[in-house]
Amino acid sequence: MKRFVPVCLLACGLLTGCLTAEDKAAKQAFDSRPQLGVTFVPEWDTENLVVLQGVPAGSPAAQAGLQPRDVITSLNGQKVTDIHSLNDIEASMQHGQTINVGILRNQKPMVLVATLS
């Protein structure tokens, strides 16, 4: 057991330096794109629906009135079919842009207005 801890620390140390410059740039670009600021139920549990799991207080989504269990169906009229399409649409938008967010809440369609951060 005494050898296990040093080996784990060594492995963790090696892994933290494994990202290439290209990987780091891609991560930074992803982190800096406009966002609603929500978390999703994992795709394998939702059959390609974008179901909100969390809406942090103060996020653009919370300010727009989005709630956990809402299903996002569109952003600015562009159909959202899964988390990947939502990310692609968000990436094409600008920080501070006001958008329409189409949702289903309790199986009723609604449109809320959000300003991306």
Protein backbone atom coordinates (compact mmCIF):
# COMPACT_ATOMS: atom_id res chain seq x y z
CA MET A 1 0.00 0.00 0.00
CA LYS A 2 2.89 2.38 0.69
CA ARG A 3 4.03 2.11 -2.95
CA PHE A 4 0.53 2.83 -4.27
CA VAL A 5 0.42 6.48 -3.15
CA PRO A 6 3.74 7.53 -4.74
CA VAL A 7 2.85 5.73 -7.97
CA CYS A 8 -0.51 7.53 -8.08
CA LEU A 9 1.14 10.88 -7.44
CA LEU A 10 3.66 10.22 -10.19
CA ALA A 11 0.91 9.20 -12.63
CA CYS A 12 -1.15 12.30 -11.78
CA GLY A 13 1.92 14.49 -12.22
CA LEU A 14 2.64 12.98 -15.61
CA LEU A 15 -0.96 13.26 -16.78
CA THR A 16 -1.29 16.95 -15.94
CA GLY A 17 1.45 17.75 -18.42
CA CYS A 18 0.09 15.56 -21.23
CA LEU A 19 -2.02 18.16 -23.03
CA THR A 20 -0.46 19.40 -26.24
CA ALA A 21 -0.41 23.09 -27.10
CA GLU A 22 -3.17 22.37 -29.61
CA ASP A 23 -5.29 20.66 -26.93
CA LYS A 24 -4.78 23.59 -24.55
CA ALA A 25 -5.74 26.10 -27.26
CA ALA A 26 -8.89 24.12 -28.09
CA LYS A 27 -9.87 23.96 -24.41
CA GLN A 28 -9.29 27.70 -23.98
CA ALA A 29 -11.39 28.46 -27.08
CA PHE A 30 -14.19 26.22 -25.77
CA ASP A 31 -14.08 27.82 -22.32
CA SER A 32 -14.17 31.35 -23.75
CA ARG A 33 -17.11 30.89 -26.13
CA PRO A 34 -20.51 32.48 -25.36
CA GLN A 35 -22.55 30.37 -22.96
CA LEU A 36 -25.94 30.06 -21.32
CA GLY A 37 -24.28 28.64 -18.22
CA VAL A 38 -26.17 25.39 -17.62
CA THR A 39 -25.44 21.74 -16.99
CA PHE A 40 -27.14 18.91 -18.81
CA VAL A 41 -28.43 15.45 -18.04
CA PRO A 42 -25.94 13.10 -19.76
CA GLU A 43 -26.94 12.30 -23.34
CA TRP A 44 -27.09 8.55 -22.77
CA ASP A 45 -29.98 9.17 -20.33
CA THR A 46 -31.97 11.52 -22.57
CA GLU A 47 -32.21 9.99 -26.07
CA ASN A 48 -30.53 13.04 -27.67
CA LEU A 49 -32.70 15.57 -25.88
CA VAL A 50 -30.96 18.51 -24.24
CA VAL A 51 -32.42 18.31 -20.74
CA LEU A 52 -31.21 20.84 -18.20
CA GLN A 53 -29.85 19.37 -15.01
CA GLY A 54 -28.65 22.54 -13.32
CA VAL A 55 -29.17 26.26 -13.75
CA PRO A 56 -26.68 28.13 -11.54
CA ALA A 57 -27.97 31.27 -9.85
CA GLY A 58 -26.85 34.39 -11.71
CA SER A 59 -26.15 32.56 -14.97
CA PRO A 60 -27.65 33.88 -18.22
CA ALA A 61 -29.96 30.85 -18.20
CA ALA A 62 -31.21 31.62 -14.68
CA GLN A 63 -31.76 35.27 -15.57
CA ALA A 64 -33.82 34.14 -18.58
CA GLY A 65 -35.96 31.88 -16.39
CA LEU A 66 -34.68 28.47 -17.49
CA GLN A 67 -35.20 25.71 -14.95
CA PRO A 68 -33.90 22.20 -14.32
CA ARG A 69 -35.77 19.61 -16.44
CA ASP A 70 -36.46 22.16 -19.22
CA VAL A 71 -35.65 20.73 -22.66
CA ILE A 72 -33.84 23.12 -25.01
CA THR A 73 -35.26 22.78 -28.52
CA SER A 74 -33.78 25.81 -30.32
CA LEU A 75 -31.46 28.80 -30.04
CA ASN A 76 -32.42 31.83 -32.13
CA GLY A 77 -34.60 29.64 -34.32
CA GLN A 78 -31.87 27.06 -34.99
CA LYS A 79 -32.99 23.57 -34.02
CA VAL A 80 -31.10 21.95 -31.14
CA THR A 81 -31.01 18.17 -31.54
CA ASP A 82 -28.35 17.26 -28.97
CA ILE A 83 -25.68 18.80 -26.75
CA HIS A 84 -23.23 18.95 -29.66
CA SER A 85 -25.59 20.99 -31.85
CA LEU A 86 -26.26 23.34 -28.92
CA ASN A 87 -22.50 23.85 -28.45
CA ASP A 88 -22.02 24.49 -32.18
CA ILE A 89 -24.82 27.08 -32.25
CA GLU A 90 -23.50 28.81 -29.10
CA ALA A 91 -20.02 28.95 -30.63
CA SER A 92 -21.38 30.91 -33.61
CA MET A 93 -22.81 33.60 -31.32
CA GLN A 94 -21.28 36.59 -29.56
CA HIS A 95 -20.79 37.44 -25.88
CA GLY A 96 -23.57 39.79 -24.81
CA GLN A 97 -25.85 38.68 -27.65
CA THR A 98 -29.53 38.43 -26.77
CA ILE A 99 -31.09 35.23 -28.08
CA ASN A 100 -34.39 33.39 -28.07
CA VAL A 101 -34.24 30.02 -26.33
CA GLY A 102 -36.94 27.58 -27.37
CA ILE A 103 -37.78 25.09 -24.64
CA LEU A 104 -40.28 22.48 -23.59
CA ARG A 105 -41.41 22.80 -19.98
CA ASN A 106 -43.90 20.20 -18.78
CA GLN A 107 -44.38 19.27 -22.47
CA LYS A 108 -45.46 22.86 -23.32
CA PRO A 109 -43.39 24.90 -25.79
CA MET A 110 -42.08 28.25 -24.59
CA VAL A 111 -39.59 30.84 -25.80
CA LEU A 112 -37.40 32.67 -23.26
CA VAL A 113 -34.94 35.48 -23.90
CA ALA A 114 -31.35 35.16 -22.67
CA THR A 115 -28.22 37.27 -22.97
CA LEU A 116 -25.10 35.14 -23.43
CA SER A 117 -22.12 35.71 -21.17
